Structures are given as structure tokens and as C-alpha cells.
Amino acid sequence: MNIELPPNAEAAFKAYYDLLESCGQNVNLTAISGVEEVARLHFLDSLALLNTTKFKKKNVIDIGSGAGFPGLPLKIAEPSINLTLLDATSKRINFLTELSTILKIDASCLNSRAEEAAHYSQLREQYDIAVSRAVARLNILSELCLPFVQVGGKFIAMKSLDSSDELEEAKSAISILGGSLNQEIDYTIPGTNVTHRVIIIDKIQSTPEKYPRRFSRIQKTLLE
């Protein structure tokens, strides 16, 4: 992948894997297990973002972080990132807090729903980059994530190859929320035949204050 890792990265990923294996089933973190599967489908998949934009010294928020993907692998590989991990489930945030302590990583772990946290003045439009590997459709993710991004920043959504319909569905919402499609980048995870897509959205103007709406409303009503 042509990514140069810092000297302590291998030990950090090993410790990450060990805690994920010991806690994963209890906290419902991931269905993927085994050294090679986790290394490829979680760690390398997350690190692929480093080839899509510059992360050095950026303020980054990982929304719906779950087991810490992609935020924590990015922080291990690029320690200069100022990282915030956001998740609505307290057990996952407890795991991420413990993991950050074990890895000696300085990361803010916030237990909150994205649609609520995006209205906090200390978080709204404060980040250079918002990343999300969540499974929600792109129109929903855009409304949850773009409000965190400052004008001039980027929202990076990790999606599958069959996301073209999602992007078409989300175009109106992206525009209303202050975003503009930058590019789509497809990549194959090394050692696999798995190909994923990254959708990069530029933040070109501030998000109107009324967004994001309540989650039930986001789910029911498309922005048009």
C-alpha cells in the first residue's frame, strides 16, 4: 500500500487485535476474527484512507466508530492526527477508552448520538475530516457527518462498490448540507479480492443550523 508506518505500529496493532479478540464478542464489536482476517479486513481497510487524502496534523472525527475503525488504525499509522471517536453505545466507548489507554493513544472518546453531538458548539464544524465506516445509507450519513466538518474540510464515507444508487439518492442532501462531491476512489485490500469504494465529499459552505434533524426524521424523509 506504500504506507510507511512508525516504529511502534506493529506492536500497537498486535495489542489492538488481542483486546478486540478478548472483548469483541461480549461488546458485539465485530463478526470478523482471526489474525489475517482482522489485519486485512479491518486494519488494512482502514489504512487505505491514507492514500485518498492528507491526514497529517488534521482534526479527525470518526462517526459511529464501533470498534475504532477506521479512526484508531489511522491514528496508529499517523500519530499527528488529533482524533475524536464518536459512538452512541456506551460499551463500545468503554472499549475504545480502554484500548486508547493500552495503546497510549491520545484520543477523545465521546458517547453520544451523532445527530445530537453535531449541534454541540464545541463539535459543530470543528473538524478537517469526518470519516465513517457505518452501514447507513449515504444520505443518512451525510446528514449525520457533514455538520461536524468545517468549511474547506472533507467527509470521507467508506462504502461498497454497489453504492452508486446511494450516491445518486444523496446528491440533493449533500448539496443542502453544504457539501460537494469530490471523487470516488475504488481500492482492493491487499491479499484479498475485496474491493471497496471511498466517497469523498468537500465541505464548501456551512450546514444550515436545523441539520441534522432527529434520527427518526432523517430515516423517513429524504432531503430534496
C-alpha atoms as a PDB file:
ATOM      1  CA  MET A   1       0.000   0.000   0.000  1.00  0.00           C
ATOM      2  CA  ASN A   2       3.137   2.197   0.045  1.00  0.00           C
ATOM      3  CA  ILE A   3       2.354   3.396   3.574  1.00  0.00           C
ATOM      4  CA  GLU A   4       5.317   3.884   5.898  1.00  0.00           C
ATOM      5  CA  LEU A   5       4.339   3.006   9.461  1.00  0.00           C
ATOM      6  CA  PRO A   6       6.009   4.380  12.599  1.00  0.00           C
ATOM      7  CA  PRO A   7       8.315   2.019  14.568  1.00  0.00           C
ATOM      8  CA  ASN A   8       5.741   1.082  17.222  1.00  0.00           C
ATOM      9  CA  ALA A   9       2.890   0.329  14.795  1.00  0.00           C
ATOM     10  CA  GLU A  10       3.296  -3.459  14.673  1.00  0.00           C
ATOM     11  CA  ALA A  11       3.184  -3.762  18.474  1.00  0.00           C
ATOM     12  CA  ALA A  12       0.189  -1.408  18.593  1.00  0.00           C
ATOM     13  CA  PHE A  13      -1.773  -3.414  16.031  1.00  0.00           C
ATOM     14  CA  LYS A  14      -0.939  -6.640  17.904  1.00  0.00           C
ATOM     15  CA  ALA A  15      -2.250  -5.162  21.175  1.00  0.00           C
ATOM     16  CA  TYR A  16      -5.325  -3.843  19.322  1.00  0.00           C
ATOM     17  CA  TYR A  17      -6.007  -7.315  17.916  1.00  0.00           C
ATOM     18  CA  ASP A  18      -5.557  -9.007  21.307  1.00  0.00           C
ATOM     19  CA  LEU A  19      -8.087  -6.738  23.042  1.00  0.00           C
ATOM     20  CA  LEU A  20     -10.505  -6.980  20.127  1.00  0.00           C
ATOM     21  CA  GLU A  21     -10.415 -10.786  20.308  1.00  0.00           C
ATOM     22  CA  SER A  22     -10.875 -10.849  24.093  1.00  0.00           C
ATOM     23  CA  CYS A  23     -13.661  -8.259  24.259  1.00  0.00           C
ATOM     24  CA  GLY A  24     -15.259  -8.431  20.822  1.00  0.00           C
ATOM     25  CA  GLN A  25     -17.984 -10.995  21.454  1.00  0.00           C
ATOM     26  CA  ASN A  26     -19.077  -9.506  24.776  1.00  0.00           C
ATOM     27  CA  VAL A  27     -19.405  -5.993  23.361  1.00  0.00           C
ATOM     28  CA  ASN A  28     -20.647  -7.024  19.887  1.00  0.00           C
ATOM     29  CA  LEU A  29     -17.781  -5.191  18.175  1.00  0.00           C
ATOM     30  CA  THR A  30     -17.141  -7.251  15.074  1.00  0.00           C
ATOM     31  CA  ALA A  31     -18.060 -10.528  13.407  1.00  0.00           C
ATOM     32  CA  ILE A  32     -14.575 -10.760  11.890  1.00  0.00           C
ATOM     33  CA  SER A  33     -11.962 -12.748  13.820  1.00  0.00           C
ATOM     34  CA  GLY A  34      -8.564 -14.323  13.293  1.00  0.00           C
ATOM     35  CA  VAL A  35      -5.219 -12.587  12.778  1.00  0.00           C
ATOM     36  CA  GLU A  36      -5.219 -12.441   8.980  1.00  0.00           C
ATOM     37  CA  GLU A  37      -8.890 -11.533   8.630  1.00  0.00           C
ATOM     38  CA  VAL A  38      -8.687  -8.708  11.164  1.00  0.00           C
ATOM     39  CA  ALA A  39      -5.400  -7.449   9.719  1.00  0.00           C
ATOM     40  CA  ARG A  40      -6.791  -7.284   6.204  1.00  0.00           C
ATOM     41  CA  LEU A  41     -10.490  -6.546   6.547  1.00  0.00           C
ATOM     42  CA  HIS A  42     -10.179  -4.090   9.442  1.00  0.00           C
ATOM     43  CA  PHE A  43      -6.648  -2.702   9.710  1.00  0.00           C
ATOM     44  CA  LEU A  44      -5.634  -2.525   6.034  1.00  0.00           C
ATOM     45  CA  ASP A  45      -9.118  -1.438   5.003  1.00  0.00           C
ATOM     46  CA  SER A  46      -8.864   1.489   7.430  1.00  0.00           C
ATOM     47  CA  LEU A  47      -5.316   2.399   6.382  1.00  0.00           C
ATOM     48  CA  ALA A  48      -6.416   2.610   2.739  1.00  0.00           C
ATOM     49  CA  LEU A  49      -7.790   6.065   3.556  1.00  0.00           C
ATOM     50  CA  LEU A  50      -4.240   7.364   3.917  1.00  0.00           C
ATOM     51  CA  ASN A  51      -3.918   7.049   0.149  1.00  0.00           C
ATOM     52  CA  THR A  52      -7.017   9.161  -0.503  1.00  0.00           C
ATOM     53  CA  THR A  53      -6.218  12.447   1.270  1.00  0.00           C
ATOM     54  CA  LYS A  54      -3.691  14.041   3.642  1.00  0.00           C
ATOM     55  CA  PHE A  55      -4.309  13.234   7.297  1.00  0.00           C
ATOM     56  CA  LYS A  56      -1.129  14.662   8.811  1.00  0.00           C
ATOM     57  CA  LYS A  57      -1.895  17.073  11.690  1.00  0.00           C
ATOM     58  CA  LYS A  58      -5.617  17.065  10.832  1.00  0.00           C
ATOM     59  CA  ASN A  59      -8.513  17.208  13.294  1.00  0.00           C
ATOM     60  CA  VAL A  60     -10.400  13.993  12.524  1.00  0.00           C
ATOM     61  CA  ILE A  61     -13.696  12.652  13.858  1.00  0.00           C
ATOM     62  CA  ASP A  62     -14.725   9.014  13.337  1.00  0.00           C
ATOM     63  CA  ILE A  63     -18.518   8.869  13.472  1.00  0.00           C
ATOM     64  CA  GLY A  64     -20.148   5.604  14.526  1.00  0.00           C
ATOM     65  CA  SER A  65     -16.682   4.341  15.372  1.00  0.00           C
ATOM     66  CA  GLY A  66     -17.747   0.974  16.796  1.00  0.00           C
ATOM     67  CA  ALA A  67     -14.533  -0.987  17.371  1.00  0.00           C
ATOM     68  CA  GLY A  68     -12.455   2.014  16.327  1.00  0.00           C
ATOM     69  CA  PHE A  69     -12.427   1.625  12.544  1.00  0.00           C
ATOM     70  CA  PRO A  70     -11.130   3.493  10.680  1.00  0.00           C
ATOM     71  CA  GLY A  71     -10.076   6.109  13.264  1.00  0.00           C
ATOM     72  CA  LEU A  72      -7.677   4.210  15.527  1.00  0.00           C
ATOM     73  CA  PRO A  73      -5.689   2.461  12.757  1.00  0.00           C
ATOM     74  CA  LEU A  74      -5.300   5.870  11.100  1.00  0.00           C
ATOM     75  CA  LYS A  75      -4.005   7.328  14.389  1.00  0.00           C
ATOM     76  CA  ILE A  76      -1.540   4.445  14.827  1.00  0.00           C
ATOM     77  CA  ALA A  77      -0.199   4.997  11.318  1.00  0.00           C
ATOM     78  CA  GLU A  78      -0.264   8.815  11.504  1.00  0.00           C
ATOM     79  CA  PRO A  79       0.221   9.840  15.159  1.00  0.00           C
ATOM     80  CA  SER A  80      -0.067  13.568  14.352  1.00  0.00           C
ATOM     81  CA  ILE A  81      -3.835  13.174  13.845  1.00  0.00           C
ATOM     82  CA  ASN A  82      -5.982  14.843  16.520  1.00  0.00           C
ATOM     83  CA  LEU A  83      -8.629  12.123  16.831  1.00  0.00           C
ATOM     84  CA  THR A  84     -12.181  12.041  18.172  1.00  0.00           C
ATOM     85  CA  LEU A  85     -14.094   8.743  18.312  1.00  0.00           C
ATOM     86  CA  LEU A  86     -17.886   9.098  18.495  1.00  0.00           C
ATOM     87  CA  ASP A  87     -20.329   6.269  19.178  1.00  0.00           C
ATOM     88  CA  ALA A  88     -23.805   6.070  20.672  1.00  0.00           C
ATOM     89  CA  THR A  89     -23.167   2.798  22.538  1.00  0.00           C
ATOM     90  CA  SER A  90     -21.529   3.154  25.948  1.00  0.00           C
ATOM     91  CA  LYS A  91     -19.981  -0.349  25.897  1.00  0.00           C
ATOM     92  CA  ARG A  92     -18.179   0.486  22.668  1.00  0.00           C
ATOM     93  CA  ILE A  93     -16.936   3.796  24.029  1.00  0.00           C
ATOM     94  CA  ASN A  94     -15.699   1.994  27.158  1.00  0.00           C
ATOM     95  CA  PHE A  95     -13.805  -0.420  24.900  1.00  0.00           C
ATOM     96  CA  LEU A  96     -12.325   2.440  22.862  1.00  0.00           C
ATOM     97  CA  THR A  97     -11.291   4.285  26.027  1.00  0.00           C
ATOM     98  CA  GLU A  98      -9.577   1.171  27.417  1.00  0.00           C
ATOM     99  CA  LEU A  99      -7.939   0.482  24.068  1.00  0.00           C
ATOM    100  CA  SER A 100      -6.649   4.055  23.761  1.00  0.00           C
ATOM    101  CA  THR A 101      -5.110   3.750  27.227  1.00  0.00           C
ATOM    102  CA  ILE A 102      -3.431   0.431  26.401  1.00  0.00           C
ATOM    103  CA  LEU A 103      -2.071   1.793  23.121  1.00  0.00           C
ATOM    104  CA  LYS A 104      -1.048   5.069  24.816  1.00  0.00           C
ATOM    105  CA  ILE A 105      -3.056   6.947  22.205  1.00  0.00           C
ATOM    106  CA  ASP A 106      -4.438  10.388  22.925  1.00  0.00           C
ATOM    107  CA  ALA A 107      -7.978  10.246  21.534  1.00  0.00           C
ATOM    108  CA  SER A 108     -11.258  11.774  22.683  1.00  0.00           C
ATOM    109  CA  CYS A 109     -13.892   9.054  23.110  1.00  0.00           C
ATOM    110  CA  LEU A 110     -17.408  10.513  23.121  1.00  0.00           C
ATOM    111  CA  ASN A 111     -20.574   8.604  23.986  1.00  0.00           C
ATOM    112  CA  SER A 112     -23.302  10.437  22.082  1.00  0.00           C
ATOM    113  CA  ARG A 113     -25.663  10.133  19.165  1.00  0.00           C
ATOM    114  CA  ALA A 114     -24.258  11.922  16.121  1.00  0.00           C
ATOM    115  CA  GLU A 115     -27.455  13.863  15.434  1.00  0.00           C
ATOM    116  CA  GLU A 116     -27.248  15.328  18.945  1.00  0.00           C
ATOM    117  CA  ALA A 117     -23.480  15.868  19.138  1.00  0.00           C
ATOM    118  CA  ALA A 118     -23.482  17.718  15.812  1.00  0.00           C
ATOM    119  CA  HIS A 119     -25.409  20.546  17.487  1.00  0.00           C
ATOM    120  CA  TYR A 120     -22.820  20.995  20.262  1.00  0.00           C
ATOM    121  CA  SER A 121     -20.914  24.218  19.627  1.00  0.00           C
ATOM    122  CA  GLN A 122     -17.586  22.622  20.622  1.00  0.00           C
ATOM    123  CA  LEU A 123     -18.011  19.941  17.929  1.00  0.00           C
ATOM    124  CA  ARG A 124     -20.004  21.557  15.133  1.00  0.00           C
ATOM    125  CA  GLU A 125     -17.877  22.433  12.082  1.00  0.00           C
ATOM    126  CA  GLN A 126     -14.687  21.904  14.088  1.00  0.00           C
ATOM    127  CA  TYR A 127     -13.057  19.106  12.068  1.00  0.00           C
ATOM    128  CA  ASP A 128     -10.865  18.970   8.985  1.00  0.00           C
ATOM    129  CA  ILE A 129     -12.041  15.453   8.195  1.00  0.00           C
ATOM    130  CA  ALA A 130     -15.028  13.334   9.226  1.00  0.00           C
ATOM    131  CA  VAL A 131     -14.760   9.624   8.439  1.00  0.00           C
ATOM    132  CA  SER A 132     -17.401   6.947   8.721  1.00  0.00           C
ATOM    133  CA  ARG A 133     -17.470   3.237   8.038  1.00  0.00           C
ATOM    134  CA  ALA A 134     -21.045   2.950   9.297  1.00  0.00           C
ATOM    135  CA  VAL A 135     -23.553   0.886   7.325  1.00  0.00           C
ATOM    136  CA  ALA A 136     -26.198   3.598   6.979  1.00  0.00           C
ATOM    137  CA  ARG A 137     -27.089   4.837   3.510  1.00  0.00           C
ATOM    138  CA  LEU A 138     -25.123   7.808   2.234  1.00  0.00           C
ATOM    139  CA  ASN A 139     -27.974  10.324   2.508  1.00  0.00           C
ATOM    140  CA  ILE A 140     -28.272   9.492   6.220  1.00  0.00           C
ATOM    141  CA  LEU A 141     -24.514   9.500   6.794  1.00  0.00           C
ATOM    142  CA  SER A 142     -24.171  12.854   5.049  1.00  0.00           C
ATOM    143  CA  GLU A 143     -26.686  14.491   7.355  1.00  0.00           C
ATOM    144  CA  LEU A 144     -25.008  12.969  10.409  1.00  0.00           C
ATOM    145  CA  CYS A 145     -21.417  13.709   9.372  1.00  0.00           C
ATOM    146  CA  LEU A 146     -21.218  16.900   7.296  1.00  0.00           C
ATOM    147  CA  PRO A 147     -22.284  19.187  10.193  1.00  0.00           C
ATOM    148  CA  PHE A 148     -19.063  18.248  12.024  1.00  0.00           C
ATOM    149  CA  VAL A 149     -16.846  19.327   9.106  1.00  0.00           C
ATOM    150  CA  GLN A 150     -15.515  22.871   8.812  1.00  0.00           C
ATOM    151  CA  VAL A 151     -15.767  24.695   5.501  1.00  0.00           C
ATOM    152  CA  GLY A 152     -12.787  23.579   3.440  1.00  0.00           C
ATOM    153  CA  GLY A 153     -12.751  20.144   5.079  1.00  0.00           C
ATOM    154  CA  LYS A 154     -13.849  16.712   3.863  1.00  0.00           C
ATOM    155  CA  PHE A 155     -16.298  13.961   4.705  1.00  0.00           C
ATOM    156  CA  ILE A 156     -14.986  10.523   3.721  1.00  0.00           C
ATOM    157  CA  ALA A 157     -17.533   7.696   3.560  1.00  0.00           C
ATOM    158  CA  MET A 158     -16.330   4.098   3.270  1.00  0.00           C
ATOM    159  CA  LYS A 159     -18.814   2.195   1.108  1.00  0.00           C
ATOM    160  CA  SER A 160     -19.147  -0.904  -1.058  1.00  0.00           C
ATOM    161  CA  LEU A 161     -18.804  -0.945  -4.835  1.00  0.00           C
ATOM    162  CA  ASP A 162     -22.578  -1.050  -5.277  1.00  0.00           C
ATOM    163  CA  SER A 163     -23.023   2.422  -3.778  1.00  0.00           C
ATOM    164  CA  SER A 164     -23.833   4.288  -6.997  1.00  0.00           C
ATOM    165  CA  ASP A 165     -27.562   4.334  -6.243  1.00  0.00           C
ATOM    166  CA  GLU A 166     -26.829   5.643  -2.739  1.00  0.00           C
ATOM    167  CA  LEU A 167     -24.765   8.479  -4.135  1.00  0.00           C
ATOM    168  CA  GLU A 168     -27.448   9.436  -6.628  1.00  0.00           C
ATOM    169  CA  GLU A 169     -30.058   9.344  -3.855  1.00  0.00           C
ATOM    170  CA  ALA A 170     -27.861  11.511  -1.604  1.00  0.00           C
ATOM    171  CA  LYS A 171     -26.832  14.232  -4.088  1.00  0.00           C
ATOM    172  CA  SER A 172     -29.588  16.658  -3.113  1.00  0.00           C
ATOM    173  CA  ALA A 173     -28.937  16.166   0.619  1.00  0.00           C
ATOM    174  CA  ILE A 174     -25.189  16.649   0.154  1.00  0.00           C
ATOM    175  CA  SER A 175     -25.800  19.978  -1.564  1.00  0.00           C
ATOM    176  CA  ILE A 176     -28.320  21.190   1.043  1.00  0.00           C
ATOM    177  CA  LEU A 177     -25.891  20.262   3.838  1.00  0.00           C
ATOM    178  CA  GLY A 178     -23.074  22.311   2.313  1.00  0.00           C
ATOM    179  CA  GLY A 179     -21.212  19.535   0.557  1.00  0.00           C
ATOM    180  CA  SER A 180     -19.985  18.852  -2.962  1.00  0.00           C
ATOM    181  CA  LEU A 181     -18.866  15.517  -4.381  1.00  0.00           C
ATOM    182  CA  ASN A 182     -15.092  15.490  -4.847  1.00  0.00           C
ATOM    183  CA  GLN A 183     -14.373  11.979  -6.111  1.00  0.00           C
ATOM    184  CA  GLU A 184     -14.958   8.259  -5.758  1.00  0.00           C
ATOM    185  CA  ILE A 185     -11.935   6.014  -5.269  1.00  0.00           C
ATOM    186  CA  ASP A 186     -12.055   2.221  -5.562  1.00  0.00           C
ATOM    187  CA  TYR A 187      -9.351   0.126  -3.885  1.00  0.00           C
ATOM    188  CA  THR A 188      -8.640  -3.564  -3.381  1.00  0.00           C
ATOM    189  CA  ILE A 189      -7.466  -4.692   0.051  1.00  0.00           C
ATOM    190  CA  PRO A 190      -4.031  -6.351  -0.341  1.00  0.00           C
ATOM    191  CA  GLY A 191      -4.095 -10.127  -0.052  1.00  0.00           C
ATOM    192  CA  THR A 192      -7.817 -10.308  -0.862  1.00  0.00           C
ATOM    193  CA  ASN A 193     -10.207  -9.979  -3.776  1.00  0.00           C
ATOM    194  CA  VAL A 194     -12.268  -7.485  -1.752  1.00  0.00           C
ATOM    195  CA  THR A 195     -12.733  -4.104  -3.411  1.00  0.00           C
ATOM    196  CA  HIS A 196     -14.284  -1.163  -1.595  1.00  0.00           C
ATOM    197  CA  ARG A 197     -15.130   2.408  -2.512  1.00  0.00           C
ATOM    198  CA  VAL A 198     -14.330   5.678  -0.777  1.00  0.00           C
ATOM    199  CA  ILE A 199     -16.640   8.622  -1.463  1.00  0.00           C
ATOM    200  CA  ILE A 200     -15.020  11.981  -0.718  1.00  0.00           C
ATOM    201  CA  ILE A 201     -17.276  14.994  -0.195  1.00  0.00           C
ATOM    202  CA  ASP A 202     -15.884  18.514   0.137  1.00  0.00           C
ATOM    203  CA  LYS A 203     -17.484  20.938   2.606  1.00  0.00           C
ATOM    204  CA  ILE A 204     -17.935  24.126   0.573  1.00  0.00           C
ATOM    205  CA  GLN A 205     -20.359  26.048   2.795  1.00  0.00           C
ATOM    206  CA  SER A 206     -21.753  25.914   6.324  1.00  0.00           C
ATOM    207  CA  THR A 207     -24.507  23.434   7.126  1.00  0.00           C
ATOM    208  CA  PRO A 208     -27.834  25.141   7.957  1.00  0.00           C
ATOM    209  CA  GLU A 209     -28.402  25.146  11.731  1.00  0.00           C
ATOM    210  CA  LYS A 210     -31.501  22.943  11.574  1.00  0.00           C
ATOM    211  CA  TYR A 211     -29.467  19.948  10.399  1.00  0.00           C
ATOM    212  CA  PRO A 212     -29.040  17.227  11.424  1.00  0.00           C
ATOM    213  CA  ARG A 213     -32.676  16.519  12.241  1.00  0.00           C
ATOM    214  CA  ARG A 214     -33.918  13.892  14.693  1.00  0.00           C
ATOM    215  CA  PHE A 215     -32.819  10.443  13.547  1.00  0.00           C
ATOM    216  CA  SER A 216     -36.374   9.187  13.029  1.00  0.00           C
ATOM    217  CA  ARG A 217     -36.968  12.135  10.709  1.00  0.00           C
ATOM    218  CA  ILE A 218     -33.700  11.548   8.834  1.00  0.00           C
ATOM    219  CA  GLN A 219     -34.742   7.948   8.199  1.00  0.00           C
ATOM    220  CA  LYS A 220     -38.224   8.814   6.986  1.00  0.00           C
ATOM    221  CA  THR A 221     -37.716  11.954   4.929  1.00  0.00           C
ATOM    222  CA  LEU A 222     -35.111  12.466   2.212  1.00  0.00           C
ATOM    223  CA  LEU A 223     -33.673  15.960   1.822  1.00  0.00           C
ATOM    224  CA  GLU A 224     -34.686  17.328  -1.562  1.00  0.00           C
END
